[in-house]
């Protein structure tokens, strides 16, 4: 990133300048996809923490999960 002055110093005669009027642009590549087999298996195998409200509840879940598998994911 940098300051406005540093950005302006890099501007050339062919540079397209767009006034964002105070808004923010973030560069990035969003590749949102999943491989159904792997995604489904991972979802099934991992311990899900959504909705856990206490450490005691998390420990109960972890113990129950550990009793039925050789390894833990999540």
N, C-alpha and C. Protein backbone atom coordinates (compact mmCIF):
# COMPACT_ATOMS: atom_id res chain seq x y z
N UNK A 1 0.84 -1.15 0.00
CA UNK A 1 0.00 0.00 0.00
C UNK A 1 0.90 1.23 0.00
N UNK A 2 0.53 2.26 0.61
CA UNK A 2 1.33 3.47 0.64
C UNK A 2 0.45 4.70 0.76
N UNK A 3 1.08 5.83 0.64
CA UNK A 3 0.35 7.09 0.74
C UNK A 3 -0.22 7.46 -0.63
N UNK A 4 -1.13 8.42 -0.63
CA UNK A 4 -1.66 8.92 -1.90
C UNK A 4 -0.54 9.47 -2.77
N UNK A 5 0.38 10.19 -2.15
CA UNK A 5 1.50 10.77 -2.90
C UNK A 5 2.36 9.71 -3.55
N UNK A 6 2.61 8.62 -2.84
CA UNK A 6 3.41 7.53 -3.42
C UNK A 6 2.68 6.88 -4.60
N UNK A 7 1.37 6.74 -4.47
CA UNK A 7 0.59 6.16 -5.57
C UNK A 7 0.58 7.08 -6.78
N UNK A 8 0.39 8.38 -6.56
CA UNK A 8 0.37 9.35 -7.66
C UNK A 8 1.71 9.38 -8.38
N UNK A 9 2.80 9.21 -7.64
CA UNK A 9 4.13 9.22 -8.25
C UNK A 9 4.31 8.06 -9.23
N UNK A 10 3.55 6.98 -9.06
CA UNK A 10 3.65 5.82 -9.95
C UNK A 10 2.73 5.92 -11.16
N UNK A 11 1.86 6.92 -11.18
CA UNK A 11 0.89 7.07 -12.26
C UNK A 11 1.59 7.47 -13.55
N UNK A 12 1.24 6.78 -14.61
CA UNK A 12 1.80 7.10 -15.92
C UNK A 12 0.75 7.71 -16.82
N UNK A 13 1.14 8.02 -18.06
CA UNK A 13 0.20 8.66 -18.99
C UNK A 13 -0.95 7.74 -19.37
N UNK A 14 -0.75 6.44 -19.28
CA UNK A 14 -1.82 5.50 -19.63
C UNK A 14 -2.58 4.96 -18.44
N UNK A 15 -2.33 5.52 -17.26
CA UNK A 15 -2.98 5.01 -16.05
C UNK A 15 -4.41 5.51 -15.97
N UNK A 16 -5.34 4.60 -15.73
CA UNK A 16 -6.74 4.95 -15.53
C UNK A 16 -6.94 5.25 -14.04
N UNK A 17 -7.39 6.44 -13.73
CA UNK A 17 -7.62 6.85 -12.34
C UNK A 17 -9.13 6.91 -12.12
N UNK A 18 -9.60 6.24 -11.08
CA UNK A 18 -11.03 6.21 -10.76
C UNK A 18 -11.23 6.84 -9.39
N UNK A 19 -12.08 7.86 -9.32
CA UNK A 19 -12.40 8.51 -8.05
C UNK A 19 -13.43 7.65 -7.32
N UNK A 20 -13.03 7.07 -6.21
CA UNK A 20 -13.91 6.19 -5.45
C UNK A 20 -14.79 6.95 -4.46
N UNK A 21 -14.61 8.25 -4.39
CA UNK A 21 -15.43 9.11 -3.53
C UNK A 21 -15.45 8.59 -2.09
N UNK A 22 -14.27 8.25 -1.57
CA UNK A 22 -14.14 7.84 -0.18
C UNK A 22 -14.34 6.35 0.08
N UNK A 23 -14.76 5.61 -0.95
CA UNK A 23 -14.96 4.17 -0.76
C UNK A 23 -13.63 3.44 -0.84
N UNK A 24 -13.61 2.19 -0.43
CA UNK A 24 -12.39 1.39 -0.39
C UNK A 24 -12.46 0.27 -1.40
N UNK A 25 -11.34 0.03 -2.07
CA UNK A 25 -11.20 -1.12 -2.97
C UNK A 25 -10.10 -1.99 -2.41
N UNK A 26 -10.37 -3.28 -2.37
CA UNK A 26 -9.36 -4.23 -1.93
C UNK A 26 -9.12 -5.22 -3.06
N UNK A 27 -7.87 -5.34 -3.44
CA UNK A 27 -7.52 -6.28 -4.50
C UNK A 27 -7.54 -7.69 -3.92
N UNK A 28 -7.90 -8.65 -4.74
CA UNK A 28 -7.88 -10.02 -4.27
C UNK A 28 -8.45 -10.97 -5.30
N UNK A 29 -8.15 -12.22 -5.10
CA UNK A 29 -8.69 -13.29 -5.92
C UNK A 29 -9.51 -14.17 -5.00
N UNK A 30 -10.78 -14.28 -5.26
CA UNK A 30 -11.66 -15.11 -4.44
C UNK A 30 -12.03 -16.35 -5.24
N UNK A 31 -11.51 -17.47 -4.83
CA UNK A 31 -11.78 -18.73 -5.49
C UNK A 31 -12.58 -19.59 -4.53
N UNK A 32 -13.86 -19.32 -4.46
CA UNK A 32 -14.71 -20.00 -3.49
C UNK A 32 -15.32 -21.24 -4.13
N UNK A 33 -14.74 -22.38 -3.82
CA UNK A 33 -15.30 -23.64 -4.29
C UNK A 33 -14.86 -24.75 -3.36
N UNK A 34 -15.48 -25.89 -3.47
CA UNK A 34 -15.04 -27.03 -2.69
C UNK A 34 -15.22 -28.29 -3.52
N UNK A 35 -14.43 -29.27 -3.21
CA UNK A 35 -14.54 -30.57 -3.84
C UNK A 35 -15.50 -31.37 -2.97
N UNK A 36 -16.64 -31.74 -3.51
CA UNK A 36 -17.73 -32.29 -2.71
C UNK A 36 -17.34 -33.49 -1.88
N UNK A 37 -16.60 -34.42 -2.44
CA UNK A 37 -16.22 -35.61 -1.67
C UNK A 37 -15.37 -35.21 -0.48
N UNK A 38 -14.29 -34.48 -0.73
CA UNK A 38 -13.40 -34.08 0.36
C UNK A 38 -14.12 -33.16 1.34
N UNK A 39 -14.88 -32.21 0.83
CA UNK A 39 -15.60 -31.29 1.71
C UNK A 39 -16.59 -32.02 2.60
N UNK A 40 -17.33 -32.95 2.03
CA UNK A 40 -18.30 -33.72 2.82
C UNK A 40 -17.63 -34.59 3.85
N UNK A 41 -16.56 -35.26 3.46
CA UNK A 41 -15.85 -36.12 4.41
C UNK A 41 -15.25 -35.30 5.54
N UNK A 42 -14.64 -34.17 5.20
CA UNK A 42 -14.06 -33.31 6.24
C UNK A 42 -15.13 -32.80 7.19
N UNK A 43 -16.29 -32.43 6.65
CA UNK A 43 -17.36 -31.93 7.51
C UNK A 43 -17.82 -33.02 8.47
N UNK A 44 -17.92 -34.24 7.95
CA UNK A 44 -18.37 -35.36 8.78
C UNK A 44 -17.33 -35.75 9.83
N UNK A 45 -16.06 -35.67 9.48
CA UNK A 45 -15.00 -36.13 10.37
C UNK A 45 -14.59 -35.11 11.42
N UNK A 46 -14.80 -33.84 11.14
CA UNK A 46 -14.34 -32.81 12.08
C UNK A 46 -15.35 -32.58 13.19
N UNK A 47 -14.82 -32.26 14.34
CA UNK A 47 -15.67 -31.87 15.46
C UNK A 47 -16.18 -30.46 15.19
N UNK A 48 -17.48 -30.28 15.24
CA UNK A 48 -18.09 -28.99 14.91
C UNK A 48 -18.29 -28.17 16.18
N UNK A 49 -17.79 -26.94 16.20
CA UNK A 49 -17.83 -26.09 17.40
C UNK A 49 -18.95 -25.07 17.36
N UNK A 50 -19.74 -25.02 16.29
CA UNK A 50 -20.81 -24.04 16.21
C UNK A 50 -21.81 -24.25 17.35
N UNK A 51 -22.17 -23.19 18.01
CA UNK A 51 -23.19 -23.25 19.05
C UNK A 51 -22.69 -23.67 20.42
N UNK A 52 -21.41 -23.97 20.56
CA UNK A 52 -20.87 -24.35 21.87
C UNK A 52 -20.77 -23.09 22.73
N UNK A 53 -21.41 -23.12 23.88
CA UNK A 53 -21.51 -21.92 24.71
C UNK A 53 -20.63 -21.94 25.95
N UNK A 54 -20.00 -23.09 26.25
CA UNK A 54 -19.18 -23.14 27.46
C UNK A 54 -18.02 -24.09 27.27
N UNK A 55 -17.00 -23.91 28.09
CA UNK A 55 -15.85 -24.81 28.07
C UNK A 55 -16.26 -26.21 28.48
N UNK A 56 -17.16 -26.32 29.45
CA UNK A 56 -17.64 -27.63 29.90
C UNK A 56 -18.32 -28.39 28.76
N UNK A 57 -19.14 -27.69 27.99
CA UNK A 57 -19.82 -28.31 26.85
C UNK A 57 -18.80 -28.75 25.80
N UNK A 58 -17.80 -27.91 25.55
CA UNK A 58 -16.76 -28.25 24.58
C UNK A 58 -15.99 -29.49 25.04
N UNK A 59 -15.70 -29.58 26.32
CA UNK A 59 -14.99 -30.75 26.84
C UNK A 59 -15.83 -32.02 26.70
N UNK A 60 -17.13 -31.94 26.98
CA UNK A 60 -18.01 -33.10 26.81
C UNK A 60 -18.03 -33.55 25.35
N UNK A 61 -18.14 -32.59 24.44
CA UNK A 61 -18.14 -32.92 23.02
C UNK A 61 -16.83 -33.57 22.62
N UNK A 62 -15.73 -33.01 23.07
CA UNK A 62 -14.42 -33.53 22.72
C UNK A 62 -14.23 -34.94 23.25
N UNK A 63 -14.65 -35.19 24.48
CA UNK A 63 -14.53 -36.53 25.06
C UNK A 63 -15.38 -37.53 24.28
N UNK A 64 -16.61 -37.17 23.99
CA UNK A 64 -17.49 -38.06 23.22
C UNK A 64 -16.92 -38.36 21.84
N UNK A 65 -16.36 -37.36 21.22
CA UNK A 65 -15.77 -37.53 19.90
C UNK A 65 -14.51 -38.39 19.97
N UNK A 66 -13.69 -38.16 20.98
CA UNK A 66 -12.44 -38.93 21.14
C UNK A 66 -12.73 -40.39 21.42
N UNK A 67 -13.84 -40.69 22.07
CA UNK A 67 -14.18 -42.08 22.38
C UNK A 67 -14.56 -42.89 21.14
N UNK A 68 -14.90 -42.22 20.04
CA UNK A 68 -15.36 -42.95 18.86
C UNK A 68 -14.42 -42.84 17.67
N UNK A 69 -13.23 -42.30 17.84
CA UNK A 69 -12.31 -42.16 16.72
C UNK A 69 -10.87 -42.30 17.20
N UNK A 70 -9.99 -42.63 16.27
CA UNK A 70 -8.57 -42.76 16.60
C UNK A 70 -7.82 -41.44 16.52
N UNK A 71 -8.42 -40.43 15.92
CA UNK A 71 -7.76 -39.13 15.77
C UNK A 71 -8.81 -38.04 15.80
N UNK A 72 -8.37 -36.82 16.06
CA UNK A 72 -9.27 -35.68 16.15
C UNK A 72 -8.91 -34.64 15.11
N UNK A 73 -9.91 -34.10 14.46
CA UNK A 73 -9.75 -33.00 13.51
C UNK A 73 -10.63 -31.86 13.98
N UNK A 74 -10.17 -30.64 13.74
CA UNK A 74 -11.00 -29.48 14.07
C UNK A 74 -10.40 -28.74 15.16
